Amino acid sequence: MVDKQVVGGGKLTGPPANIFKTMDGLKWSEVVMTFITPEEVRIKARERNKTLTYAEMGFKNKQSRMAKPNLCWTALQGLAIITSTDKTLMGILPRKTDIKRLVSRLRKGLQEFFGIKDDPILYDANYKPSFTLVMEEHVFSHIRDRRAPDEKDEEGIETMMSQPPGR
């Protein structure tokens, strides 16, 4: 559900303003993002706390007539999974994905959303977020259970999806 913001004469004008982008001097180390559903994250930064959908964060697939997340959102979910497992993005994302390009787009989207110029995703033998990124257990299970057979990679995805994060 998208909250509407009221301005001026009390008219509904669309999604609420981004409360994180205006935080002076915000650093990635202050950001905590938790997937609470496959489509929503709870974001905490300093004293601010907000639940947002992929669309509200700018990760809606513009090619889809249905409101679906884009591949950057899938990569963000993948980052949440690999932070608590020994898997890599290569083993999670569709086989023909250009990982470097996708991560670059995700970086840009996160930097734009939060207004932080530093790199939100580091690479040291594997991609790692510069912020705290968590996926609740029931979200992981939901993502694993809804994957179509043709989305599974023989080695990576099937194996990764058979175990919850942190196990």
C-alpha atoms as a PDB file:
ATOM      1  CA  MET A   1       0.000   0.000   0.000  1.00  0.00           C
ATOM      2  CA  VAL A   2       1.387   3.390  -0.995  1.00  0.00           C
ATOM      3  CA  ASP A   3       0.893   6.161   1.524  1.00  0.00           C
ATOM      4  CA  LYS A   4      -0.192   9.454   0.049  1.00  0.00           C
ATOM      5  CA  GLN A   5       1.129  12.775   1.190  1.00  0.00           C
ATOM      6  CA  VAL A   6      -1.110  15.774   1.809  1.00  0.00           C
ATOM      7  CA  VAL A   7       0.164  19.187   0.772  1.00  0.00           C
ATOM      8  CA  GLY A   8      -1.257  22.676   0.395  1.00  0.00           C
ATOM      9  CA  GLY A   9      -5.049  22.520   0.268  1.00  0.00           C
ATOM     10  CA  GLY A  10      -5.182  18.917   1.481  1.00  0.00           C
ATOM     11  CA  LYS A  11      -4.895  17.256  -1.944  1.00  0.00           C
ATOM     12  CA  LEU A  12      -3.342  13.823  -2.288  1.00  0.00           C
ATOM     13  CA  THR A  13      -0.239  14.286  -4.390  1.00  0.00           C
ATOM     14  CA  GLY A  14       1.328  10.835  -4.661  1.00  0.00           C
ATOM     15  CA  PRO A  15       3.923   8.916  -2.710  1.00  0.00           C
ATOM     16  CA  PRO A  16       5.419  10.564   0.354  1.00  0.00           C
ATOM     17  CA  ALA A  17       8.635  12.535   0.095  1.00  0.00           C
ATOM     18  CA  ASN A  18      11.871  10.606   0.547  1.00  0.00           C
ATOM     19  CA  ILE A  19      12.730  11.176   4.218  1.00  0.00           C
ATOM     20  CA  PHE A  20      16.238   9.723   3.840  1.00  0.00           C
ATOM     21  CA  LYS A  21      17.566  11.829   0.977  1.00  0.00           C
ATOM     22  CA  THR A  22      17.433  14.999   3.064  1.00  0.00           C
ATOM     23  CA  MET A  23      19.483  13.650   5.969  1.00  0.00           C
ATOM     24  CA  ASP A  24      22.690  15.708   6.103  1.00  0.00           C
ATOM     25  CA  GLY A  25      25.870  13.656   6.221  1.00  0.00           C
ATOM     26  CA  LEU A  26      24.095  10.288   6.159  1.00  0.00           C
ATOM     27  CA  LYS A  27      26.554   7.394   5.799  1.00  0.00           C
ATOM     28  CA  TRP A  28      25.939   3.874   4.569  1.00  0.00           C
ATOM     29  CA  SER A  29      26.994   2.510   7.954  1.00  0.00           C
ATOM     30  CA  GLU A  30      23.916   4.235   9.449  1.00  0.00           C
ATOM     31  CA  VAL A  31      21.462   2.555   7.057  1.00  0.00           C
ATOM     32  CA  VAL A  32      19.680  -0.688   7.980  1.00  0.00           C
ATOM     33  CA  MET A  33      17.450  -2.226   5.323  1.00  0.00           C
ATOM     34  CA  THR A  34      15.305  -5.271   6.109  1.00  0.00           C
ATOM     35  CA  PHE A  35      13.177  -7.157   3.588  1.00  0.00           C
ATOM     36  CA  ILE A  36       9.861  -7.641   5.400  1.00  0.00           C
ATOM     37  CA  THR A  37       8.050  -8.941   2.288  1.00  0.00           C
ATOM     38  CA  PRO A  38       9.399  -9.720  -1.190  1.00  0.00           C
ATOM     39  CA  GLU A  39       8.100  -6.304  -2.303  1.00  0.00           C
ATOM     40  CA  GLU A  40       8.872  -4.161   0.772  1.00  0.00           C
ATOM     41  CA  VAL A  41      11.807  -3.120   2.911  1.00  0.00           C
ATOM     42  CA  ARG A  42      11.899  -1.433   6.290  1.00  0.00           C
ATOM     43  CA  ILE A  43      14.616   1.190   6.292  1.00  0.00           C
ATOM     44  CA  LYS A  44      16.121   2.673   9.431  1.00  0.00           C
ATOM     45  CA  ALA A  45      18.637   5.493   9.425  1.00  0.00           C
ATOM     46  CA  ARG A  46      19.385   7.411  12.588  1.00  0.00           C
ATOM     47  CA  GLU A  47      16.013   8.264  14.140  1.00  0.00           C
ATOM     48  CA  ARG A  48      14.027   7.735  10.935  1.00  0.00           C
ATOM     49  CA  ASN A  49      12.162   4.546  10.108  1.00  0.00           C
ATOM     50  CA  LYS A  50      10.070   3.905   6.993  1.00  0.00           C
ATOM     51  CA  THR A  51       8.608   0.930   5.126  1.00  0.00           C
ATOM     52  CA  LEU A  52       8.816   1.297   1.351  1.00  0.00           C
ATOM     53  CA  THR A  53       8.023  -0.781  -1.721  1.00  0.00           C
ATOM     54  CA  TYR A  54      10.359  -1.370  -4.644  1.00  0.00           C
ATOM     55  CA  ALA A  55       8.307   1.126  -6.691  1.00  0.00           C
ATOM     56  CA  GLU A  56       8.659   3.842  -4.038  1.00  0.00           C
ATOM     57  CA  MET A  57      12.421   3.315  -4.117  1.00  0.00           C
ATOM     58  CA  GLY A  58      12.570   3.568  -7.921  1.00  0.00           C
ATOM     59  CA  PHE A  59      13.000  -0.144  -8.666  1.00  0.00           C
ATOM     60  CA  LYS A  60       9.798  -0.727 -10.657  1.00  0.00           C
ATOM     61  CA  ASN A  61      10.163  -2.491 -14.004  1.00  0.00           C
ATOM     62  CA  LYS A  62       9.256   0.194 -16.521  1.00  0.00           C
ATOM     63  CA  GLN A  63       8.852  -2.404 -19.286  1.00  0.00           C
ATOM     64  CA  SER A  64       6.131  -4.320 -17.439  1.00  0.00           C
ATOM     65  CA  ARG A  65       2.455  -3.447 -17.660  1.00  0.00           C
ATOM     66  CA  MET A  66       2.030  -5.131 -14.302  1.00  0.00           C
ATOM     67  CA  ALA A  67       3.637  -3.438 -11.318  1.00  0.00           C
ATOM     68  CA  LYS A  68       6.677  -5.696 -11.003  1.00  0.00           C
ATOM     69  CA  PRO A  69      10.132  -5.046  -9.580  1.00  0.00           C
ATOM     70  CA  ASN A  70      13.094  -4.659 -11.912  1.00  0.00           C
ATOM     71  CA  LEU A  71      16.238  -6.784 -11.889  1.00  0.00           C
ATOM     72  CA  CYS A  72      17.995  -4.296  -9.554  1.00  0.00           C
ATOM     73  CA  TRP A  73      15.438  -5.180  -6.862  1.00  0.00           C
ATOM     74  CA  THR A  74      16.166  -8.856  -7.457  1.00  0.00           C
ATOM     75  CA  ALA A  75      19.885  -8.108  -7.095  1.00  0.00           C
ATOM     76  CA  LEU A  76      19.171  -6.274  -3.820  1.00  0.00           C
ATOM     77  CA  GLN A  77      17.297  -9.353  -2.591  1.00  0.00           C
ATOM     78  CA  GLY A  78      20.254 -11.441  -3.735  1.00  0.00           C
ATOM     79  CA  LEU A  79      22.644  -9.248  -1.741  1.00  0.00           C
ATOM     80  CA  ALA A  80      20.475  -9.797   1.340  1.00  0.00           C
ATOM     81  CA  ILE A  81      20.696 -13.549   0.803  1.00  0.00           C
ATOM     82  CA  ILE A  82      24.448 -13.668   0.195  1.00  0.00           C
ATOM     83  CA  THR A  83      25.234 -11.567   3.273  1.00  0.00           C
ATOM     84  CA  SER A  84      24.158 -14.510   5.410  1.00  0.00           C
ATOM     85  CA  THR A  85      25.241 -17.423   3.185  1.00  0.00           C
ATOM     86  CA  ASP A  86      28.341 -18.420   1.284  1.00  0.00           C
ATOM     87  CA  LYS A  87      26.655 -17.876  -2.085  1.00  0.00           C
ATOM     88  CA  THR A  88      27.478 -15.288  -4.747  1.00  0.00           C
ATOM     89  CA  LEU A  89      25.249 -13.107  -6.896  1.00  0.00           C
ATOM     90  CA  MET A  90      26.286 -15.226  -9.846  1.00  0.00           C
ATOM     91  CA  GLY A  91      24.641 -18.215  -8.196  1.00  0.00           C
ATOM     92  CA  ILE A  92      21.411 -16.317  -7.476  1.00  0.00           C
ATOM     93  CA  LEU A  93      20.625 -14.179 -10.510  1.00  0.00           C
ATOM     94  CA  PRO A  94      19.501 -15.518 -13.897  1.00  0.00           C
ATOM     95  CA  ARG A  95      22.374 -17.150 -15.774  1.00  0.00           C
ATOM     96  CA  LYS A  96      22.804 -14.588 -18.577  1.00  0.00           C
ATOM     97  CA  THR A  97      22.775 -11.543 -16.312  1.00  0.00           C
ATOM     98  CA  ASP A  98      25.601  -9.023 -16.736  1.00  0.00           C
ATOM     99  CA  ILE A  99      26.354  -8.823 -13.001  1.00  0.00           C
ATOM    100  CA  LYS A 100      28.806  -5.908 -13.183  1.00  0.00           C
ATOM    101  CA  ARG A 101      26.366  -3.775 -15.141  1.00  0.00           C
ATOM    102  CA  LEU A 102      23.445  -4.721 -12.919  1.00  0.00           C
ATOM    103  CA  VAL A 103      25.368  -3.941  -9.718  1.00  0.00           C
ATOM    104  CA  SER A 104      26.422  -0.632 -11.261  1.00  0.00           C
ATOM    105  CA  ARG A 105      22.753   0.238 -11.898  1.00  0.00           C
ATOM    106  CA  LEU A 106      21.827  -0.848  -8.366  1.00  0.00           C
ATOM    107  CA  ARG A 107      24.629   1.305  -6.919  1.00  0.00           C
ATOM    108  CA  LYS A 108      23.403   4.327  -8.852  1.00  0.00           C
ATOM    109  CA  GLY A 109      19.793   3.742  -7.768  1.00  0.00           C
ATOM    110  CA  LEU A 110      20.720   3.423  -4.096  1.00  0.00           C
ATOM    111  CA  GLN A 111      23.013   6.463  -4.213  1.00  0.00           C
ATOM    112  CA  GLU A 112      20.265   8.496  -5.839  1.00  0.00           C
ATOM    113  CA  PHE A 113      17.582   7.318  -3.409  1.00  0.00           C
ATOM    114  CA  PHE A 114      19.606   7.970  -0.252  1.00  0.00           C
ATOM    115  CA  GLY A 115      21.612  10.937  -1.529  1.00  0.00           C
ATOM    116  CA  ILE A 116      24.870   9.292  -0.418  1.00  0.00           C
ATOM    117  CA  LYS A 117      27.772   9.572  -2.868  1.00  0.00           C
ATOM    118  CA  ASP A 118      29.926   6.815  -1.358  1.00  0.00           C
ATOM    119  CA  ASP A 119      29.745   3.303  -2.806  1.00  0.00           C
ATOM    120  CA  PRO A 120      26.840   1.295  -1.323  1.00  0.00           C
ATOM    121  CA  ILE A 121      28.159  -2.017  -2.697  1.00  0.00           C
ATOM    122  CA  LEU A 122      31.756  -3.109  -2.269  1.00  0.00           C
ATOM    123  CA  TYR A 123      33.535  -5.965  -3.971  1.00  0.00           C
ATOM    124  CA  ASP A 124      36.095  -8.191  -2.297  1.00  0.00           C
ATOM    125  CA  ALA A 125      35.826 -11.673  -3.849  1.00  0.00           C
ATOM    126  CA  ASN A 126      32.046 -11.166  -3.536  1.00  0.00           C
ATOM    127  CA  TYR A 127      29.646  -8.233  -3.573  1.00  0.00           C
ATOM    128  CA  LYS A 128      28.834  -6.864  -0.121  1.00  0.00           C
ATOM    129  CA  PRO A 129      26.596  -3.974   0.884  1.00  0.00           C
ATOM    130  CA  SER A 130      28.183  -1.051   2.762  1.00  0.00           C
ATOM    131  CA  PHE A 131      24.988  -0.905   4.825  1.00  0.00           C
ATOM    132  CA  THR A 132      23.215  -3.506   6.938  1.00  0.00           C
ATOM    133  CA  LEU A 133      20.991  -5.608   4.682  1.00  0.00           C
ATOM    134  CA  VAL A 134      18.775  -8.333   6.124  1.00  0.00           C
ATOM    135  CA  MET A 135      16.035 -10.615   4.844  1.00  0.00           C
ATOM    136  CA  GLU A 136      13.485 -11.988   7.278  1.00  0.00           C
ATOM    137  CA  GLU A 137      13.206 -15.797   7.227  1.00  0.00           C
ATOM    138  CA  HIS A 138       9.603 -15.876   5.960  1.00  0.00           C
ATOM    139  CA  VAL A 139      10.570 -13.629   3.013  1.00  0.00           C
ATOM    140  CA  PHE A 140      13.428 -15.941   2.077  1.00  0.00           C
ATOM    141  CA  SER A 141      11.055 -18.920   2.185  1.00  0.00           C
ATOM    142  CA  HIS A 142       8.496 -17.089   0.050  1.00  0.00           C
ATOM    143  CA  ILE A 143      11.084 -16.183  -2.594  1.00  0.00           C
ATOM    144  CA  ARG A 144      12.426 -19.745  -2.663  1.00  0.00           C
ATOM    145  CA  ASP A 145       8.941 -21.255  -2.966  1.00  0.00           C
ATOM    146  CA  ARG A 146       7.702 -19.020  -5.775  1.00  0.00           C
ATOM    147  CA  ARG A 147      10.672 -19.409  -8.142  1.00  0.00           C
ATOM    148  CA  ALA A 148       9.691 -21.025 -11.421  1.00  0.00           C
ATOM    149  CA  PRO A 149      11.686 -24.111 -12.506  1.00  0.00           C
ATOM    150  CA  ASP A 150      13.083 -22.315 -15.571  1.00  0.00           C
ATOM    151  CA  GLU A 151      14.626 -19.647 -13.317  1.00  0.00           C
ATOM    152  CA  LYS A 152      16.814 -22.189 -11.532  1.00  0.00           C
ATOM    153  CA  ASP A 153      20.453 -22.601 -12.386  1.00  0.00           C
ATOM    154  CA  GLU A 154      21.651 -26.203 -12.068  1.00  0.00           C
ATOM    155  CA  GLU A 155      24.248 -25.433  -9.422  1.00  0.00           C
ATOM    156  CA  GLY A 156      23.698 -22.031  -7.861  1.00  0.00           C
ATOM    157  CA  ILE A 157      20.076 -21.079  -7.393  1.00  0.00           C
ATOM    158  CA  GLU A 158      18.701 -24.522  -6.601  1.00  0.00           C
ATOM    159  CA  THR A 159      21.363 -25.124  -3.965  1.00  0.00           C
ATOM    160  CA  MET A 160      21.116 -21.641  -2.503  1.00  0.00           C
ATOM    161  CA  MET A 161      17.353 -21.697  -2.360  1.00  0.00           C
ATOM    162  CA  SER A 162      17.299 -25.022  -0.531  1.00  0.00           C
ATOM    163  CA  GLN A 163      18.803 -23.480   2.616  1.00  0.00           C
ATOM    164  CA  PRO A 164      17.597 -20.420   4.515  1.00  0.00           C
ATOM    165  CA  PRO A 165      20.084 -17.599   5.147  1.00  0.00           C
ATOM    166  CA  GLY A 166      22.381 -18.029   8.102  1.00  0.00           C
ATOM    167  CA  ARG A 167      22.297 -21.821   8.023  1.00  0.00           C
END
